[in-house]
Amino acid sequence: MRTTLDLPDDTFRQLKAQAALNGMKLKELVTQLIQRGLAAGVTAPMPDQPPAPPPIAIRRVPGKPLTPALSNAQLYDILNDQDLAQYQNVLQQAAAPK
């Protein structure tokens, strides 16, 4: 079965290096490590309580809803604008003389 994992960069580098040292493919090493962990019956400790959600800043305006209702299209526009601004910032930093 194919799946996607979001690994920290350091963890990925360690896995890749270990796979190379052992003459294995990365997916073979990851499969082997997962199988070992499952066979050992190791479980991660459960937190005493779920983490608290992040606080939401609320500005109360009489006669208006607390949270404005935005459509998916509006949300995507906001995210795209932020992505574009971040990309332009990276380009400017790369073009700046060093």
PDB file of N, CA and C in Angstrom:
ATOM      1  N   MET A   1       0.844  -1.174   0.000  1.00  0.00           N
ATOM      2  CA  MET A   1       0.000   0.000   0.000  1.00  0.00           C
ATOM      3  C   MET A   1       0.889   1.236   0.000  1.00  0.00           C
ATOM      4  N   ARG A   2       0.482   2.241  -0.699  1.00  0.00           N
ATOM      5  CA  ARG A   2       1.241   3.484  -0.794  1.00  0.00           C
ATOM      6  C   ARG A   2       0.640   4.490   0.183  1.00  0.00           C
ATOM      7  N   THR A   3       1.516   5.217   0.888  1.00  0.00           N
ATOM      8  CA  THR A   3       1.061   6.241   1.823  1.00  0.00           C
ATOM      9  C   THR A   3       2.055   7.394   1.824  1.00  0.00           C
ATOM     10  N   THR A   4       1.682   8.478   2.437  1.00  0.00           N
ATOM     11  CA  THR A   4       2.549   9.649   2.538  1.00  0.00           C
ATOM     12  C   THR A   4       2.806   9.943   4.003  1.00  0.00           C
ATOM     13  N   LEU A   5       4.065  10.209   4.337  1.00  0.00           N
ATOM     14  CA  LEU A   5       4.437  10.565   5.703  1.00  0.00           C
ATOM     15  C   LEU A   5       5.025  11.963   5.711  1.00  0.00           C
ATOM     16  N   ASP A   6       4.727  12.709   6.743  1.00  0.00           N
ATOM     17  CA  ASP A   6       5.318  14.030   6.926  1.00  0.00           C
ATOM     18  C   ASP A   6       6.351  13.903   8.034  1.00  0.00           C
ATOM     19  N   LEU A   7       7.627  13.785   7.649  1.00  0.00           N
ATOM     20  CA  LEU A   7       8.713  13.565   8.602  1.00  0.00           C
ATOM     21  C   LEU A   7       9.528  14.838   8.785  1.00  0.00           C
ATOM     22  N   PRO A   8      10.035  15.054   9.999  1.00  0.00           N
ATOM     23  CA  PRO A   8      10.978  16.164  10.180  1.00  0.00           C
ATOM     24  C   PRO A   8      12.217  15.929   9.310  1.00  0.00           C
ATOM     25  N   ASP A   9      12.837  17.010   8.846  1.00  0.00           N
ATOM     26  CA  ASP A   9      13.997  16.903   7.958  1.00  0.00           C
ATOM     27  C   ASP A   9      15.118  16.073   8.571  1.00  0.00           C
ATOM     28  N   ASP A  10      15.401  16.285   9.859  1.00  0.00           N
ATOM     29  CA  ASP A  10      16.477  15.530  10.511  1.00  0.00           C
ATOM     30  C   ASP A  10      16.179  14.032  10.512  1.00  0.00           C
ATOM     31  N   THR A  11      14.933  13.673  10.794  1.00  0.00           N
ATOM     32  CA  THR A  11      14.552  12.259  10.808  1.00  0.00           C
ATOM     33  C   THR A  11      14.715  11.656   9.422  1.00  0.00           C
ATOM     34  N   PHE A  12      14.288  12.388   8.399  1.00  0.00           N
ATOM     35  CA  PHE A  12      14.409  11.887   7.032  1.00  0.00           C
ATOM     36  C   PHE A  12      15.872  11.673   6.657  1.00  0.00           C
ATOM     37  N   ARG A  13      16.729  12.644   7.019  1.00  0.00           N
ATOM     38  CA  ARG A  13      18.158  12.501   6.704  1.00  0.00           C
ATOM     39  C   ARG A  13      18.760  11.286   7.410  1.00  0.00           C
ATOM     40  N   GLN A  14      18.381  11.066   8.669  1.00  0.00           N
ATOM     41  CA  GLN A  14      18.891   9.909   9.409  1.00  0.00           C
ATOM     42  C   GLN A  14      18.440   8.607   8.756  1.00  0.00           C
ATOM     43  N   LEU A  15      17.167   8.549   8.386  1.00  0.00           N
ATOM     44  CA  LEU A  15      16.654   7.344   7.730  1.00  0.00           C
ATOM     45  C   LEU A  15      17.374   7.093   6.410  1.00  0.00           C
ATOM     46  N   LYS A  16      17.536   8.144   5.618  1.00  0.00           N
ATOM     47  CA  LYS A  16      18.180   8.005   4.316  1.00  0.00           C
ATOM     48  C   LYS A  16      19.629   7.550   4.470  1.00  0.00           C
ATOM     49  N   ALA A  17      20.341   8.127   5.451  1.00  0.00           N
ATOM     50  CA  ALA A  17      21.737   7.743   5.687  1.00  0.00           C
ATOM     51  C   ALA A  17      21.828   6.298   6.159  1.00  0.00           C
ATOM     52  N   GLN A  18      20.946   5.912   7.076  1.00  0.00           N
ATOM     53  CA  GLN A  18      20.974   4.540   7.586  1.00  0.00           C
ATOM     54  C   GLN A  18      20.657   3.546   6.476  1.00  0.00           C
ATOM     55  N   ALA A  19      19.705   3.874   5.626  1.00  0.00           N
ATOM     56  CA  ALA A  19      19.370   2.989   4.508  1.00  0.00           C
ATOM     57  C   ALA A  19      20.572   2.833   3.584  1.00  0.00           C
ATOM     58  N   ALA A  20      21.263   3.927   3.298  1.00  0.00           N
ATOM     59  CA  ALA A  20      22.438   3.862   2.418  1.00  0.00           C
ATOM     60  C   ALA A  20      23.545   3.026   3.051  1.00  0.00           C
ATOM     61  N   LEU A  21      23.766   3.214   4.347  1.00  0.00           N
ATOM     62  CA  LEU A  21      24.812   2.442   5.040  1.00  0.00           C
ATOM     63  C   LEU A  21      24.509   0.947   5.041  1.00  0.00           C
ATOM     64  N   ASN A  22      23.227   0.605   5.094  1.00  0.00           N
ATOM     65  CA  ASN A  22      22.821  -0.803   5.117  1.00  0.00           C
ATOM     66  C   ASN A  22      22.583  -1.364   3.717  1.00  0.00           C
ATOM     67  N   GLY A  23      22.771  -0.543   2.683  1.00  0.00           N
ATOM     68  CA  GLY A  23      22.553  -1.006   1.315  1.00  0.00           C
ATOM     69  C   GLY A  23      21.097  -1.328   1.035  1.00  0.00           C
ATOM     70  N   MET A  24      20.196  -0.576   1.658  1.00  0.00           N
ATOM     71  CA  MET A  24      18.763  -0.821   1.508  1.00  0.00           C
ATOM     72  C   MET A  24      18.106   0.384   0.843  1.00  0.00           C
ATOM     73  N   LYS A  25      16.921   0.151   0.296  1.00  0.00           N
ATOM     74  CA  LYS A  25      16.100   1.255  -0.171  1.00  0.00           C
ATOM     75  C   LYS A  25      15.447   1.879   1.055  1.00  0.00           C
ATOM     76  N   LEU A  26      15.138   3.157   0.957  1.00  0.00           N
ATOM     77  CA  LEU A  26      14.523   3.867   2.071  1.00  0.00           C
ATOM     78  C   LEU A  26      13.217   3.201   2.494  1.00  0.00           C
ATOM     79  N   LYS A  27      12.396   2.805   1.515  1.00  0.00           N
ATOM     80  CA  LYS A  27      11.112   2.198   1.870  1.00  0.00           C
ATOM     81  C   LYS A  27      11.307   0.855   2.568  1.00  0.00           C
ATOM     82  N   GLU A  28      12.370   0.125   2.223  1.00  0.00           N
ATOM     83  CA  GLU A  28      12.642  -1.146   2.902  1.00  0.00           C
ATOM     84  C   GLU A  28      13.000  -0.907   4.364  1.00  0.00           C
ATOM     85  N   LEU A  29      13.840   0.104   4.614  1.00  0.00           N
ATOM     86  CA  LEU A  29      14.237   0.411   5.984  1.00  0.00           C
ATOM     87  C   LEU A  29      13.042   0.872   6.809  1.00  0.00           C
ATOM     88  N   VAL A  30      12.228   1.762   6.255  1.00  0.00           N
ATOM     89  CA  VAL A  30      11.060   2.258   6.986  1.00  0.00           C
ATOM     90  C   VAL A  30      10.110   1.109   7.301  1.00  0.00           C
ATOM     91  N   THR A  31       9.875   0.231   6.334  1.00  0.00           N
ATOM     92  CA  THR A  31       9.016  -0.931   6.564  1.00  0.00           C
ATOM     93  C   THR A  31       9.578  -1.804   7.675  1.00  0.00           C
ATOM     94  N   GLN A  32      10.882  -2.054   7.634  1.00  0.00           N
ATOM     95  CA  GLN A  32      11.528  -2.888   8.650  1.00  0.00           C
ATOM     96  C   GLN A  32      11.392  -2.259  10.041  1.00  0.00           C
ATOM     97  N   LEU A  33      11.626  -0.966  10.142  1.00  0.00           N
ATOM     98  CA  LEU A  33      11.531  -0.294  11.439  1.00  0.00           C
ATOM     99  C   LEU A  33      10.097  -0.294  11.969  1.00  0.00           C
ATOM    100  N   ILE A  34       9.127  -0.097  11.100  1.00  0.00           N
ATOM    101  CA  ILE A  34       7.726  -0.139  11.524  1.00  0.00           C
ATOM    102  C   ILE A  34       7.365  -1.538  12.004  1.00  0.00           C
ATOM    103  N   GLN A  35       7.791  -2.564  11.257  1.00  0.00           N
ATOM    104  CA  GLN A  35       7.495  -3.937  11.658  1.00  0.00           C
ATOM    105  C   GLN A  35       8.122  -4.262  13.009  1.00  0.00           C
ATOM    106  N   ARG A  36       9.357  -3.804  13.241  1.00  0.00           N
ATOM    107  CA  ARG A  36      10.003  -4.033  14.545  1.00  0.00           C
ATOM    108  C   ARG A  36       9.220  -3.356  15.668  1.00  0.00           C
ATOM    109  N   GLY A  37       8.808  -2.134  15.431  1.00  0.00           N
ATOM    110  CA  GLY A  37       8.040  -1.410  16.442  1.00  0.00           C
ATOM    111  C   GLY A  37       6.725  -2.094  16.752  1.00  0.00           C
ATOM    112  N   LEU A  38       6.044  -2.591  15.722  1.00  0.00           N
ATOM    113  CA  LEU A  38       4.780  -3.295  15.938  1.00  0.00           C
ATOM    114  C   LEU A  38       4.999  -4.608  16.678  1.00  0.00           C
ATOM    115  N   ALA A  39       6.058  -5.330  16.316  1.00  0.00           N
ATOM    116  CA  ALA A  39       6.349  -6.612  16.964  1.00  0.00           C
ATOM    117  C   ALA A  39       6.716  -6.414  18.432  1.00  0.00           C
ATOM    118  N   ALA A  40       7.356  -5.297  18.746  1.00  0.00           N
ATOM    119  CA  ALA A  40       7.759  -5.038  20.127  1.00  0.00           C
ATOM    120  C   ALA A  40       6.577  -4.608  20.986  1.00  0.00           C
ATOM    121  N   GLY A  41       5.484  -4.266  20.346  1.00  0.00           N
ATOM    122  CA  GLY A  41       4.298  -3.865  21.097  1.00  0.00           C
ATOM    123  C   GLY A  41       4.463  -2.518  21.776  1.00  0.00           C
ATOM    124  N   VAL A  42       5.342  -1.695  21.247  1.00  0.00           N
ATOM    125  CA  VAL A  42       5.588  -0.387  21.844  1.00  0.00           C
ATOM    126  C   VAL A  42       4.422   0.536  21.513  1.00  0.00           C
ATOM    127  N   THR A  43       3.910   1.195  22.536  1.00  0.00           N
ATOM    128  CA  THR A  43       2.839   2.158  22.313  1.00  0.00           C
ATOM    129  C   THR A  43       3.270   3.510  22.860  1.00  0.00           C
ATOM    130  N   ALA A  44       2.830   4.531  22.215  1.00  0.00           N
ATOM    131  CA  ALA A  44       3.139   5.886  22.673  1.00  0.00           C
ATOM    132  C   ALA A  44       2.224   6.223  23.841  1.00  0.00           C
ATOM    133  N   PRO A  45       2.752   6.888  24.855  1.00  0.00           N
ATOM    134  CA  PRO A  45       1.896   7.251  25.988  1.00  0.00           C
ATOM    135  C   PRO A  45       0.824   8.241  25.551  1.00  0.00           C
ATOM    136  N   MET A  46      -0.369   8.027  26.060  1.00  0.00           N
ATOM    137  CA  MET A  46      -1.477   8.915  25.734  1.00  0.00           C
ATOM    138  C   MET A  46      -1.441  10.115  26.671  1.00  0.00           C
ATOM    139  N   PRO A  47      -1.696  11.311  26.174  1.00  0.00           N
ATOM    140  CA  PRO A  47      -1.717  12.477  27.059  1.00  0.00           C
ATOM    141  C   PRO A  47      -2.887  12.387  28.029  1.00  0.00           C
ATOM    142  N   ASP A  48      -2.718  13.003  29.203  1.00  0.00           N
ATOM    143  CA  ASP A  48      -3.785  12.988  30.202  1.00  0.00           C
ATOM    144  C   ASP A  48      -5.052  13.649  29.680  1.00  0.00           C
ATOM    145  N   GLN A  49      -4.867  14.684  28.910  1.00  0.00           N
ATOM    146  CA  GLN A  49      -6.014  15.364  28.314  1.00  0.00           C
ATOM    147  C   GLN A  49      -5.620  15.879  26.935  1.00  0.00           C
ATOM    148  N   PRO A  50      -6.585  16.017  26.055  1.00  0.00           N
ATOM    149  CA  PRO A  50      -6.243  16.495  24.712  1.00  0.00           C
ATOM    150  C   PRO A  50      -5.710  17.924  24.789  1.00  0.00           C
ATOM    151  N   PRO A  51      -4.853  18.295  23.840  1.00  0.00           N
ATOM    152  CA  PRO A  51      -4.323  19.660  23.857  1.00  0.00           C
ATOM    153  C   PRO A  51      -5.439  20.677  23.649  1.00  0.00           C
ATOM    154  N   ALA A  52      -5.283  21.812  24.269  1.00  0.00           N
ATOM    155  CA  ALA A  52      -6.285  22.871  24.145  1.00  0.00           C
ATOM    156  C   ALA A  52      -6.215  23.473  22.745  1.00  0.00           C
ATOM    157  N   PRO A  53      -7.351  23.820  22.184  1.00  0.00           N
ATOM    158  CA  PRO A  53      -7.325  24.457  20.862  1.00  0.00           C
ATOM    159  C   PRO A  53      -6.690  25.841  20.977  1.00  0.00           C
ATOM    160  N   PRO A  54      -6.123  26.332  19.894  1.00  0.00           N
ATOM    161  CA  PRO A  54      -5.512  27.666  19.959  1.00  0.00           C
ATOM    162  C   PRO A  54      -6.583  28.725  20.215  1.00  0.00           C
ATOM    163  N   PRO A  55      -6.214  29.789  20.906  1.00  0.00           N
ATOM    164  CA  PRO A  55      -7.212  30.830  21.182  1.00  0.00           C
ATOM    165  C   PRO A  55      -7.611  31.557  19.902  1.00  0.00           C
ATOM    166  N   ILE A  56      -8.837  31.973  19.871  1.00  0.00           N
ATOM    167  CA  ILE A  56      -9.353  32.709  18.721  1.00  0.00           C
ATOM    168  C   ILE A  56      -9.646  34.137  19.178  1.00  0.00           C
ATOM    169  N   ALA A  57      -9.034  35.086  18.518  1.00  0.00           N
ATOM    170  CA  ALA A  57      -9.273  36.486  18.856  1.00  0.00           C
ATOM    171  C   ALA A  57     -10.663  36.877  18.381  1.00  0.00           C
ATOM    172  N   ILE A  58     -11.435  37.426  19.278  1.00  0.00           N
ATOM    173  CA  ILE A  58     -12.804  37.815  18.938  1.00  0.00           C
ATOM    174  C   ILE A  58     -12.960  39.312  19.183  1.00  0.00           C
ATOM    175  N   ARG A  59     -13.437  39.996  18.191  1.00  0.00           N
ATOM    176  CA  ARG A  59     -13.750  41.412  18.337  1.00  0.00           C
ATOM    177  C   ARG A  59     -15.254  41.522  18.182  1.00  0.00           C
ATOM    178  N   ARG A  60     -15.891  41.942  19.232  1.00  0.00           N
ATOM    179  CA  ARG A  60     -17.351  42.019  19.209  1.00  0.00           C
ATOM    180  C   ARG A  60     -17.806  43.359  18.623  1.00  0.00           C
ATOM    181  N   VAL A  61     -18.654  43.263  17.621  1.00  0.00           N
ATOM    182  CA  VAL A  61     -19.259  44.446  17.013  1.00  0.00           C
ATOM    183  C   VAL A  61     -20.765  44.268  17.136  1.00  0.00           C
ATOM    184  N   PRO A  62     -21.445  45.191  17.818  1.00  0.00           N
ATOM    185  CA  PRO A  62     -22.888  45.037  18.006  1.00  0.00           C
ATOM    186  C   PRO A  62     -23.623  44.861  16.675  1.00  0.00           C
ATOM    187  N   GLY A  63     -24.496  43.880  16.646  1.00  0.00           N
ATOM    188  CA  GLY A  63     -25.323  43.645  15.475  1.00  0.00           C
ATOM    189  C   GLY A  63     -24.672  42.826  14.379  1.00  0.00           C
ATOM    190  N   LYS A  64     -23.418  42.406  14.578  1.00  0.00           N
ATOM    191  CA  LYS A  64     -22.730  41.606  13.566  1.00  0.00           C
ATOM    192  C   LYS A  64     -22.333  40.268  14.175  1.00  0.00           C
ATOM    193  N   PRO A  65     -22.207  39.233  13.327  1.00  0.00           N
ATOM    194  CA  PRO A  65     -21.790  37.925  13.861  1.00  0.00           C
ATOM    195  C   PRO A  65     -20.364  37.997  14.420  1.00  0.00           C
ATOM    196  N   LEU A  66     -20.082  37.140  15.410  1.00  0.00           N
ATOM    197  CA  LEU A  66     -18.753  37.120  16.024  1.00  0.00           C
ATOM    198  C   LEU A  66     -17.683  36.703  15.033  1.00  0.00           C
ATOM    199  N   THR A  67     -17.982  35.710  14.237  1.00  0.00           N
ATOM    200  CA  THR A  67     -17.023  35.207  13.260  1.00  0.00           C
ATOM    201  C   THR A  67     -17.624  35.381  11.874  1.00  0.00           C
ATOM    202  N   PRO A  68     -16.943  36.111  11.006  1.00  0.00           N
ATOM    203  CA  PRO A  68     -17.515  36.289   9.670  1.00  0.00           C
ATOM    204  C   PRO A  68     -17.536  34.963   8.914  1.00  0.00           C
ATOM    205  N   ALA A  69     -18.617  34.739   8.204  1.00  0.00           N
ATOM    206  CA  ALA A  69     -18.726  33.524   7.402  1.00  0.00           C
ATOM    207  C   ALA A  69     -18.021  33.761   6.075  1.00  0.00           C
ATOM    208  N   LEU A  70     -17.019  32.928   5.791  1.00  0.00           N
ATOM    209  CA  LEU A  70     -16.286  33.029   4.531  1.00  0.00           C
ATOM    210  C   LEU A  70     -16.522  31.767   3.717  1.00  0.00           C
ATOM    211  N   SER A  71     -16.656  31.939   2.434  1.00  0.00           N
ATOM    212  CA  SER A  71     -16.815  30.780   1.555  1.00  0.00           C
ATOM    213  C   SER A  71     -15.451  30.122   1.348  1.00  0.00           C
ATOM    214  N   ASN A  72     -15.464  28.914   0.837  1.00  0.00           N
ATOM    215  CA  ASN A  72     -14.200  28.235   0.530  1.00  0.00           C
ATOM    216  C   ASN A  72     -13.382  29.039  -0.472  1.00  0.00           C
ATOM    217  N   ALA A  73     -14.044  29.634  -1.447  1.00  0.00           N
ATOM    218  CA  ALA A  73     -13.335  30.434  -2.449  1.00  0.00           C
ATOM    219  C   ALA A  73     -12.632  31.621  -1.791  1.00  0.00           C
ATOM    220  N   GLN A  74     -13.305  32.266  -0.830  1.00  0.00           N
ATOM    221  CA  GLN A  74     -12.684  33.393  -0.126  1.00  0.00           C
ATOM    222  C   GLN A  74     -11.483  32.924   0.698  1.00  0.00           C
ATOM    223  N   LEU A  75     -11.620  31.788   1.354  1.00  0.00           N
ATOM    224  CA  LEU A  75     -10.512  31.246   2.141  1.00  0.00           C
ATOM    225  C   LEU A  75      -9.332  30.901   1.246  1.00  0.00           C
ATOM    226  N   TYR A  76      -9.590  30.273   0.096  1.00  0.00           N
ATOM    227  CA  TYR A  76      -8.512  29.939  -0.838  1.00  0.00           C
ATOM    228  C   TYR A  76      -7.824  31.203  -1.353  1.00  0.00           C
ATOM    229  N   ASP A  77      -8.607  32.264  -1.611  1.00  0.00           N
ATOM    230  CA  ASP A  77      -8.016  33.528  -2.057  1.00  0.00           C
ATOM    231  C   ASP A  77      -7.070  34.094  -1.000  1.00  0.00           C
ATOM    232  N   ILE A  78      -7.480  34.029   0.261  1.00  0.00           N
ATOM    233  CA  ILE A  78      -6.629  34.520   1.350  1.00  0.00           C
ATOM    234  C   ILE A  78      -5.338  33.717   1.404  1.00  0.00           C
ATOM    235  N   LEU A  79      -5.452  32.391   1.342  1.00  0.00           N
ATOM    236  CA  LEU A  79      -4.262  31.543   1.395  1.00  0.00           C
ATOM    237  C   LEU A  79      -3.355  31.779   0.195  1.00  0.00           C
ATOM    238  N   ASN A  80      -3.938  31.912  -0.990  1.00  0.00           N
ATOM    239  CA  ASN A  80      -3.133  32.157  -2.193  1.00  0.00           C
ATOM    240  C   ASN A  80      -2.407  33.494  -2.113  1.00  0.00           C
ATOM    241  N   ASP A  81      -3.087  34.527  -1.585  1.00  0.00           N
ATOM    242  CA  ASP A  81      -2.437  35.832  -1.427  1.00  0.00           C
ATOM    243  C   ASP A  81      -1.255  35.739  -0.472  1.00  0.00           C
ATOM    244  N   GLN A  82      -1.426  34.996   0.623  1.00  0.00           N
ATOM    245  CA  GLN A  82      -0.334  34.831   1.587  1.00  0.00           C
ATOM    246  C   GLN A  82       0.818  34.054   0.961  1.00  0.00           C
ATOM    247  N   ASP A  83       0.504  33.004   0.198  1.00  0.00           N
ATOM    248  CA  ASP A  83       1.548  32.219  -0.469  1.00  0.00           C
ATOM    249  C   ASP A  83       2.312  33.076  -1.472  1.00  0.00           C
ATOM    250  N   LEU A  84       1.589  33.886  -2.235  1.00  0.00           N
ATOM    251  CA  LEU A  84       2.227  34.744  -3.231  1.00  0.00           C
ATOM    252  C   LEU A  84       3.142  35.763  -2.551  1.00  0.00           C
ATOM    253  N   ALA A  85       2.672  36.353  -1.457  1.00  0.00           N
ATOM    254  CA  ALA A  85       3.492  37.333  -0.737  1.00  0.00           C
ATOM    255  C   ALA A  85       4.758  36.679  -0.192  1.00  0.00           C
ATOM    256  N   GLN A  86       4.619  35.474   0.334  1.00  0.00           N
ATOM    257  CA  GLN A  86       5.786  34.768   0.869  1.00  0.00           C
ATOM    258  C   GLN A  86       6.760  34.424  -0.259  1.00  0.00           C
ATOM    259  N   TYR A  87       6.259  33.980  -1.395  1.00  0.00           N
ATOM    260  CA  TYR A  87       7.103  33.640  -2.539  1.00  0.00           C
ATOM    261  C   TYR A  87       7.851  34.875  -3.039  1.00  0.00           C
ATOM    262  N   GLN A  88       7.151  35.996  -3.134  1.00  0.00           N
ATOM    263  CA  GLN A  88       7.794  37.230  -3.590  1.00  0.00           C
ATOM    264  C   GLN A  88       8.874  37.672  -2.606  1.00  0.00           C
ATOM    265  N   ASN A  89       8.633  37.484  -1.315  1.00  0.00           N
ATOM    266  CA  ASN A  89       9.620  37.823  -0.298  1.00  0.00           C
ATOM    267  C   ASN A  89      10.875  36.969  -0.463  1.00  0.00           C
ATOM    268  N   VAL A  90      10.699  35.691  -0.727  1.00  0.00           N
ATOM    269  CA  VAL A  90      11.839  34.792  -0.929  1.00  0.00           C
ATOM    270  C   VAL A  90      12.630  35.209  -2.165  1.00  0.00           C
ATOM    271  N   LEU A  91      11.933  35.559  -3.240  1.00  0.00           N
ATOM    272  CA  LEU A  91      12.614  36.004  -4.459  1.00  0.00           C
ATOM    273  C   LEU A  91      13.418  37.278  -4.211  1.00  0.00           C
ATOM    274  N   GLN A  92      12.852  38.202  -3.450  1.00  0.00           N
ATOM    275  CA  GLN A  92      13.561  39.445  -3.147  1.00  0.00           C
ATOM    276  C   GLN A  92      14.807  39.175  -2.313  1.00  0.00           C
ATOM    277  N   GLN A  93      14.693  38.274  -1.351  1.00  0.00           N
ATOM    278  CA  GLN A  93      15.845  37.944  -0.511  1.00  0.00           C
ATOM    279  C   GLN A  93      16.932  37.267  -1.333  1.00  0.00           C
ATOM    280  N   ALA A  94      16.533  36.432  -2.272  1.00  0.00           N
ATOM    281  CA  ALA A  94      17.509  35.726  -3.105  1.00  0.00           C
ATOM    282  C   ALA A  94      18.213  36.698  -4.058  1.00  0.00           C
ATOM    283  N   ALA A  95      17.506  37.726  -4.500  1.00  0.00           N
ATOM    284  CA  ALA A  95      18.080  38.678  -5.446  1.00  0.00           C
ATOM    285  C   ALA A  95      18.902  39.767  -4.758  1.00  0.00           C
ATOM    286  N   ALA A  96      18.750  39.893  -3.450  1.00  0.00           N
ATOM    287  CA  ALA A  96      19.476  40.942  -2.717  1.00  0.00           C
ATOM    288  C   ALA A  96      20.972  40.654  -2.742  1.00  0.00           C
ATOM    289  N   PRO A  97      21.780  41.712  -2.909  1.00  0.00           N
ATOM    290  CA  PRO A  97      23.241  41.500  -2.910  1.00  0.00           C
ATOM    291  C   PRO A  97      23.708  41.020  -1.541  1.00  0.00           C
ATOM    292  N   LYS A  98      24.706  40.168  -1.587  1.00  0.00           N
ATOM    293  CA  LYS A  98      25.207  39.589  -0.333  1.00  0.00           C
ATOM    294  C   LYS A  98      26.546  40.145   0.023  1.00  0.00           C
TER     295      LYS A  98
END
